[in-house]
Amino acid sequence: MKLVSLFGLIGGTFTTISFLPQVIQVWKTRSTKDISLGMFVLFTIGVLFWLVYGLMIKEWPVIIANGMTLIFACTILVFKAIYK
């Protein structure tokens, strides 16, 4: 594995995992009142574009990190809709 890919995987892992505490918090409290819907919609769209970009350039660190982040961000958006 190239060093540049390793750095990409490590960075992607940390930024992706950073969403897990928020998902768990929302799941436990069933509250999303302090989460900005506008911010998360824009963020999710941005992550989707990063995922497509990763697929286009065939870079696994970009694909994996943004694929997982997209799942977490969409989960929070679904919770935001459910727990209004």
C-alpha atoms as a PDB file:
ATOM      1  CA  MET A   1       0.000   0.000   0.000  1.00  0.00           C
ATOM      2  CA  LYS A   2       1.291   3.435  -0.896  1.00  0.00           C
ATOM      3  CA  LEU A   3       1.957   5.875   1.920  1.00  0.00           C
ATOM      4  CA  VAL A   4      -0.428   8.400   0.365  1.00  0.00           C
ATOM      5  CA  SER A   5      -3.243   5.796   0.399  1.00  0.00           C
ATOM      6  CA  LEU A   6      -2.470   4.934   4.021  1.00  0.00           C
ATOM      7  CA  PHE A   7      -2.759   8.592   5.006  1.00  0.00           C
ATOM      8  CA  GLY A   8      -6.048   8.788   3.107  1.00  0.00           C
ATOM      9  CA  LEU A   9      -7.425   5.728   4.892  1.00  0.00           C
ATOM     10  CA  ILE A  10      -6.364   6.983   8.321  1.00  0.00           C
ATOM     11  CA  GLY A  11      -7.786  10.467   7.723  1.00  0.00           C
ATOM     12  CA  GLY A  12     -10.997   9.048   6.298  1.00  0.00           C
ATOM     13  CA  THR A  13     -11.347   6.663   9.233  1.00  0.00           C
ATOM     14  CA  PHE A  14     -11.076   9.438  11.804  1.00  0.00           C
ATOM     15  CA  THR A  15     -13.419  11.852  10.021  1.00  0.00           C
ATOM     16  CA  THR A  16     -15.960   9.103   9.424  1.00  0.00           C
ATOM     17  CA  ILE A  17     -15.847   7.772  12.977  1.00  0.00           C
ATOM     18  CA  SER A  18     -16.339  11.326  14.253  1.00  0.00           C
ATOM     19  CA  PHE A  19     -20.007  11.059  13.214  1.00  0.00           C
ATOM     20  CA  LEU A  20     -20.645   7.897  15.203  1.00  0.00           C
ATOM     21  CA  PRO A  21     -21.004   9.645  18.609  1.00  0.00           C
ATOM     22  CA  GLN A  22     -23.651  11.964  17.101  1.00  0.00           C
ATOM     23  CA  VAL A  23     -25.586   9.037  15.625  1.00  0.00           C
ATOM     24  CA  ILE A  24     -25.447   7.203  18.973  1.00  0.00           C
ATOM     25  CA  GLN A  25     -26.489  10.348  20.894  1.00  0.00           C
ATOM     26  CA  VAL A  26     -29.497  10.913  18.641  1.00  0.00           C
ATOM     27  CA  TRP A  27     -30.433   7.222  18.838  1.00  0.00           C
ATOM     28  CA  LYS A  28     -30.305   7.249  22.663  1.00  0.00           C
ATOM     29  CA  THR A  29     -32.031  10.591  23.285  1.00  0.00           C
ATOM     30  CA  ARG A  30     -34.417  10.530  20.304  1.00  0.00           C
ATOM     31  CA  SER A  31     -33.707  14.249  20.020  1.00  0.00           C
ATOM     32  CA  THR A  32     -32.363  16.187  17.057  1.00  0.00           C
ATOM     33  CA  LYS A  33     -33.545  19.662  18.032  1.00  0.00           C
ATOM     34  CA  ASP A  34     -30.000  21.052  18.268  1.00  0.00           C
ATOM     35  CA  ILE A  35     -28.952  19.692  14.870  1.00  0.00           C
ATOM     36  CA  SER A  36     -29.227  22.105  11.957  1.00  0.00           C
ATOM     37  CA  LEU A  37     -31.249  20.536   9.155  1.00  0.00           C
ATOM     38  CA  GLY A  38     -29.817  22.954   6.591  1.00  0.00           C
ATOM     39  CA  MET A  39     -26.241  22.167   7.564  1.00  0.00           C
ATOM     40  CA  PHE A  40     -26.776  18.413   7.423  1.00  0.00           C
ATOM     41  CA  VAL A  41     -28.556  18.551   4.061  1.00  0.00           C
ATOM     42  CA  LEU A  42     -25.727  20.604   2.550  1.00  0.00           C
ATOM     43  CA  PHE A  43     -23.117  18.389   4.185  1.00  0.00           C
ATOM     44  CA  THR A  44     -24.802  15.219   2.903  1.00  0.00           C
ATOM     45  CA  ILE A  45     -24.940  16.585  -0.645  1.00  0.00           C
ATOM     46  CA  GLY A  46     -21.243  17.459  -0.407  1.00  0.00           C
ATOM     47  CA  VAL A  47     -20.360  13.967   0.829  1.00  0.00           C
ATOM     48  CA  LEU A  48     -22.365  12.455  -2.021  1.00  0.00           C
ATOM     49  CA  PHE A  49     -20.322  14.462  -4.505  1.00  0.00           C
ATOM     50  CA  TRP A  50     -17.087  13.379  -2.795  1.00  0.00           C
ATOM     51  CA  LEU A  51     -18.240   9.767  -3.072  1.00  0.00           C
ATOM     52  CA  VAL A  52     -18.980  10.143  -6.785  1.00  0.00           C
ATOM     53  CA  TYR A  53     -15.601  11.836  -7.228  1.00  0.00           C
ATOM     54  CA  GLY A  54     -13.884   8.936  -5.457  1.00  0.00           C
ATOM     55  CA  LEU A  55     -15.672   6.472  -7.718  1.00  0.00           C
ATOM     56  CA  MET A  56     -14.666   8.430 -10.805  1.00  0.00           C
ATOM     57  CA  ILE A  57     -10.984   8.500  -9.861  1.00  0.00           C
ATOM     58  CA  LYS A  58     -11.135   4.971  -8.380  1.00  0.00           C
ATOM     59  CA  GLU A  59      -9.530   5.911  -5.061  1.00  0.00           C
ATOM     60  CA  TRP A  60     -10.601   3.509  -2.316  1.00  0.00           C
ATOM     61  CA  PRO A  61      -9.774   5.780   0.638  1.00  0.00           C
ATOM     62  CA  VAL A  62     -12.107   8.460  -0.778  1.00  0.00           C
ATOM     63  CA  ILE A  63     -14.804   5.912  -1.672  1.00  0.00           C
ATOM     64  CA  ILE A  64     -14.808   4.085   1.664  1.00  0.00           C
ATOM     65  CA  ALA A  65     -14.620   7.174   3.876  1.00  0.00           C
ATOM     66  CA  ASN A  66     -17.320   9.074   2.020  1.00  0.00           C
ATOM     67  CA  GLY A  67     -19.530   6.010   1.613  1.00  0.00           C
ATOM     68  CA  MET A  68     -19.542   5.434   5.370  1.00  0.00           C
ATOM     69  CA  THR A  69     -19.911   9.142   6.147  1.00  0.00           C
ATOM     70  CA  LEU A  70     -22.860   9.301   3.754  1.00  0.00           C
ATOM     71  CA  ILE A  71     -24.536   6.441   5.633  1.00  0.00           C
ATOM     72  CA  PHE A  72     -24.031   8.195   8.992  1.00  0.00           C
ATOM     73  CA  ALA A  73     -25.178  11.583   7.663  1.00  0.00           C
ATOM     74  CA  CYS A  74     -28.277  10.063   6.065  1.00  0.00           C
ATOM     75  CA  THR A  75     -29.024   8.256   9.326  1.00  0.00           C
ATOM     76  CA  ILE A  76     -28.958  11.571  11.175  1.00  0.00           C
ATOM     77  CA  LEU A  77     -31.215  13.143   8.513  1.00  0.00           C
ATOM     78  CA  VAL A  78     -33.696  10.271   8.863  1.00  0.00           C
ATOM     79  CA  PHE A  79     -33.654  10.699  12.651  1.00  0.00           C
ATOM     80  CA  LYS A  80     -34.166  14.430  12.170  1.00  0.00           C
ATOM     81  CA  ALA A  81     -37.305  13.694  10.111  1.00  0.00           C
ATOM     82  CA  ILE A  82     -38.610  11.019  12.500  1.00  0.00           C
ATOM     83  CA  TYR A  83     -37.944  12.813  15.813  1.00  0.00           C
ATOM     84  CA  LYS A  84     -39.486  16.180  14.905  1.00  0.00           C
END
